[in-house]
Amino acid sequence: MMKPRVARLSAGVLAVGLLLAACSDDDDEAASTGTTEPPAEETTTTEAPADDDSDAPAEEADIVDTAIAAGSFETLVAAVQAAGLEETLRGDGPFTVFAPTDEAFGLLPAGTIDALLADPEGDLASILTYHVVAGEVLAADVVGLDGQAVETVNGGTFTVNVGDDGSVSITDAAGNEIGVVQTDIRTSNGVIHVIDGVLLPG
């Protein structure tokens, strides 16, 4: 009658032994991995990043550098430099320049540009300053000047014409009508409007 009881007792002892062994293995594993407790949060000090201007808009160039960068005003830039007006057009301004393209200068009678460059501080300077208006006159302002005479740095005037379709042209003192083909090229010291002919002061 004692054998079943001994068997049950032995089985109980074996189960306890296995349980203790399992607990010991878990403790050993935890000790070896160091994961018995979650690690404390690390406190780090993050310095504010230095100012990064990589996304800042590029600084606008002045009228002369803007004209040079465009690549279509080489004759105008050469004339401005020859007439000694480059420093003026790099000044604080603001100025509004009605800028003829190289193609526009090409429409002048043969020999005209050479003749003007031969007297850079005379007729050439007079013509160039006739293309400049003091202050910043944007396209919206030009449209509001329909039929009005606008005084230039030269001292002469030209007349602004606005068509029913919103197109703008300029009638110079010599009676030529010159079209405005691009507007509001902003610069650090003013604005450029592109025209398809050369304005003549008279």
Protein backbone atom coordinates (compact mmCIF):
# COMPACT_ATOMS: atom_id res chain seq x y z
CA MET A 1 0.00 0.00 0.00
CA MET A 2 2.98 2.36 0.38
CA LYS A 3 4.23 2.17 -3.21
CA PRO A 4 1.65 4.48 -4.85
CA ARG A 5 2.24 7.10 -2.17
CA VAL A 6 6.00 6.92 -2.67
CA ALA A 7 5.51 7.23 -6.42
CA ARG A 8 3.33 10.31 -6.01
CA LEU A 9 5.84 11.84 -3.61
CA SER A 10 8.71 11.17 -5.98
CA ALA A 11 6.79 12.72 -8.86
CA GLY A 12 6.10 15.81 -6.77
CA VAL A 13 9.75 16.17 -5.82
CA LEU A 14 10.76 15.79 -9.46
CA ALA A 15 8.30 18.48 -10.57
CA VAL A 16 9.59 20.91 -7.94
CA GLY A 17 13.14 20.17 -9.02
CA LEU A 18 12.35 20.84 -12.65
CA LEU A 19 10.59 24.10 -11.72
CA LEU A 20 13.57 25.28 -9.65
CA ALA A 21 15.94 24.37 -12.45
CA ALA A 22 13.87 26.36 -14.94
CA CYS A 23 13.83 29.39 -12.67
CA SER A 24 17.59 29.13 -12.24
CA ASP A 25 18.08 29.03 -16.02
CA ASP A 26 15.89 32.13 -16.48
CA ASP A 27 17.90 34.00 -13.83
CA ASP A 28 21.16 33.00 -15.47
CA GLU A 29 19.92 34.14 -18.88
CA ALA A 30 18.69 37.43 -17.49
CA ALA A 31 22.01 38.00 -15.76
CA SER A 32 23.94 37.24 -18.92
CA THR A 33 21.84 39.53 -21.12
CA GLY A 34 21.38 42.29 -18.55
CA THR A 35 17.69 42.60 -19.30
CA THR A 36 16.25 42.05 -15.86
CA GLU A 37 15.08 45.67 -15.80
CA PRO A 38 14.33 48.07 -18.65
CA PRO A 39 17.25 50.47 -19.18
CA ALA A 40 16.84 53.92 -17.76
CA GLU A 41 16.14 56.61 -20.33
CA GLU A 42 19.27 58.40 -21.41
CA THR A 43 19.16 62.16 -21.20
CA THR A 44 21.00 63.83 -24.01
CA THR A 45 21.51 67.49 -24.67
CA THR A 46 20.89 68.47 -28.25
CA GLU A 47 22.39 71.74 -29.37
CA ALA A 48 20.34 73.94 -31.65
CA PRO A 49 21.50 73.50 -35.25
CA ALA A 50 23.47 76.31 -36.74
CA ASP A 51 21.54 78.61 -39.03
CA ASP A 52 21.34 77.06 -42.47
CA ASP A 53 20.74 79.49 -45.30
CA SER A 54 20.80 76.81 -48.00
CA ASP A 55 17.07 77.29 -48.64
CA ALA A 56 17.21 81.08 -48.43
CA PRO A 57 16.48 82.87 -51.69
CA ALA A 58 19.53 83.97 -53.58
CA GLU A 59 20.33 87.65 -53.28
CA GLU A 60 19.18 89.62 -56.32
CA ALA A 61 21.84 91.00 -58.63
CA ASP A 62 21.91 94.64 -59.66
CA ILE A 63 20.70 95.90 -63.04
CA VAL A 64 24.05 95.48 -64.79
CA ASP A 65 24.76 91.97 -63.50
CA THR A 66 21.19 90.90 -64.26
CA ALA A 67 21.57 92.12 -67.84
CA ILE A 68 24.91 90.32 -68.18
CA ALA A 69 23.49 87.07 -66.81
CA ALA A 70 20.54 87.19 -69.23
CA GLY A 71 22.90 86.88 -72.19
CA SER A 72 20.62 88.81 -74.56
CA PHE A 73 21.78 92.35 -73.68
CA GLU A 74 25.46 92.18 -74.68
CA THR A 75 25.25 95.28 -76.89
CA LEU A 76 23.41 97.23 -74.21
CA VAL A 77 25.93 96.27 -71.53
CA ALA A 78 28.87 97.16 -73.80
CA ALA A 79 27.26 100.52 -74.56
CA VAL A 80 26.59 101.24 -70.87
CA GLN A 81 30.21 100.45 -70.03
CA ALA A 82 31.54 102.53 -72.93
CA ALA A 83 29.39 105.51 -71.90
CA GLY A 84 30.63 105.36 -68.31
CA LEU A 85 27.17 104.59 -66.95
CA GLU A 86 27.91 101.21 -65.38
CA GLU A 87 28.66 102.60 -61.93
CA THR A 88 25.44 104.62 -62.01
CA LEU A 89 23.33 101.58 -62.89
CA ARG A 90 25.01 99.64 -60.09
CA GLY A 91 24.06 102.38 -57.62
CA ASP A 92 21.30 102.34 -55.05
CA GLY A 93 18.59 103.51 -57.43
CA PRO A 94 15.95 102.40 -57.75
CA PHE A 95 15.87 102.64 -61.54
CA THR A 96 13.53 101.35 -64.20
CA VAL A 97 15.34 100.36 -67.39
CA PHE A 98 13.60 99.77 -70.70
CA ALA A 99 16.22 97.44 -72.13
CA PRO A 100 16.63 96.78 -75.87
CA THR A 101 17.81 93.27 -76.71
CA ASP A 102 20.76 92.57 -78.98
CA GLU A 103 18.23 91.85 -81.72
CA ALA A 104 16.66 95.27 -81.17
CA PHE A 105 20.03 96.99 -81.58
CA GLY A 106 20.51 94.96 -84.75
CA LEU A 107 17.48 96.70 -86.28
CA LEU A 108 19.29 100.06 -86.28
CA PRO A 109 20.71 101.22 -89.63
CA ALA A 110 24.11 99.76 -90.46
CA GLY A 111 26.95 101.65 -88.83
CA THR A 112 24.77 103.31 -86.19
CA ILE A 113 26.19 101.40 -83.23
CA ASP A 114 29.79 101.97 -84.34
CA ALA A 115 29.08 105.68 -84.74
CA LEU A 116 27.54 105.84 -81.27
CA LEU A 117 30.44 103.97 -79.68
CA ALA A 118 32.82 106.45 -81.28
CA ASP A 119 31.21 109.20 -79.17
CA PRO A 120 30.30 107.31 -76.00
CA GLU A 121 29.75 110.31 -73.75
CA GLY A 122 27.73 112.20 -76.34
CA ASP A 123 24.85 110.70 -78.32
CA LEU A 124 25.38 107.22 -76.87
CA ALA A 125 25.02 108.39 -73.26
CA SER A 126 22.01 110.49 -74.26
CA ILE A 127 20.26 107.52 -75.87
CA LEU A 128 21.03 105.17 -73.00
CA THR A 129 19.76 107.53 -70.30
CA TYR A 130 16.61 107.96 -72.41
CA HIS A 131 15.89 104.31 -71.59
CA VAL A 132 16.05 104.89 -67.83
CA VAL A 133 13.31 106.21 -65.55
CA ALA A 134 13.99 107.20 -61.95
CA GLY A 135 12.22 105.01 -59.40
CA GLU A 136 10.76 101.52 -59.67
CA VAL A 137 7.94 101.43 -62.21
CA LEU A 138 6.38 97.97 -62.37
CA ALA A 139 4.17 96.64 -65.16
CA ALA A 140 1.01 97.43 -63.18
CA ASP A 141 2.19 101.03 -62.93
CA VAL A 142 3.06 101.21 -66.64
CA VAL A 143 -0.43 100.04 -67.61
CA GLY A 144 -1.84 102.90 -65.55
CA LEU A 145 0.20 105.41 -67.57
CA ASP A 146 -1.70 104.92 -70.83
CA GLY A 147 -1.42 108.05 -72.97
CA GLN A 148 0.85 109.80 -70.52
CA ALA A 149 4.30 111.24 -71.11
CA VAL A 150 6.97 109.72 -68.87
CA GLU A 151 10.09 111.67 -68.01
CA THR A 152 13.39 109.85 -68.36
CA VAL A 153 16.78 110.36 -66.72
CA ASN A 154 17.82 111.95 -70.04
CA GLY A 155 15.36 114.77 -69.38
CA GLY A 156 13.26 113.90 -72.41
CA THR A 157 9.93 112.08 -72.39
CA PHE A 158 8.25 109.19 -74.14
CA THR A 159 4.57 108.22 -74.27
CA VAL A 160 3.11 104.97 -72.97
CA ASN A 161 0.44 103.21 -75.04
CA VAL A 162 -1.75 100.39 -73.70
CA GLY A 163 -3.74 98.33 -76.19
CA ASP A 164 -7.18 96.83 -75.63
CA ASP A 165 -5.49 93.44 -75.23
CA GLY A 166 -3.22 94.78 -72.49
CA SER A 167 -0.14 95.01 -74.69
CA VAL A 168 2.15 97.95 -73.97
CA SER A 169 4.23 100.00 -76.36
CA ILE A 170 6.23 103.20 -76.12
CA THR A 171 6.27 106.06 -78.59
CA ASP A 172 9.64 107.80 -78.43
CA ALA A 173 10.44 111.42 -79.24
CA ALA A 174 11.31 110.46 -82.82
CA GLY A 175 7.84 108.99 -83.36
CA ASN A 176 8.90 105.32 -83.27
CA GLU A 177 6.57 102.87 -81.55
CA ILE A 178 8.52 100.27 -79.61
CA GLY A 179 6.89 97.21 -78.05
CA VAL A 180 7.38 96.06 -74.46
CA VAL A 181 7.89 92.29 -74.73
CA GLN A 182 8.77 91.29 -71.16
CA THR A 183 8.16 93.04 -67.86
CA ASP A 184 9.13 93.06 -64.20
CA ILE A 185 12.60 91.53 -64.21
CA ARG A 186 13.39 92.42 -60.61
CA THR A 187 16.89 93.41 -59.53
CA SER A 188 18.46 94.59 -56.29
CA ASN A 189 18.28 98.23 -57.40
CA GLY A 190 15.29 98.41 -59.69
CA VAL A 191 13.43 96.66 -62.47
CA ILE A 192 14.03 95.87 -66.14
CA HIS A 193 11.40 95.83 -68.89
CA VAL A 194 12.52 94.34 -72.21
CA ILE A 195 11.69 96.21 -75.41
CA ASP A 196 12.04 95.18 -79.06
CA GLY A 197 13.56 98.40 -80.36
CA VAL A 198 15.88 101.25 -79.41
CA LEU A 199 14.24 104.41 -78.09
CA LEU A 200 15.50 107.64 -79.63
CA PRO A 201 15.29 110.95 -77.75
CA GLY A 202 14.70 112.98 -80.90
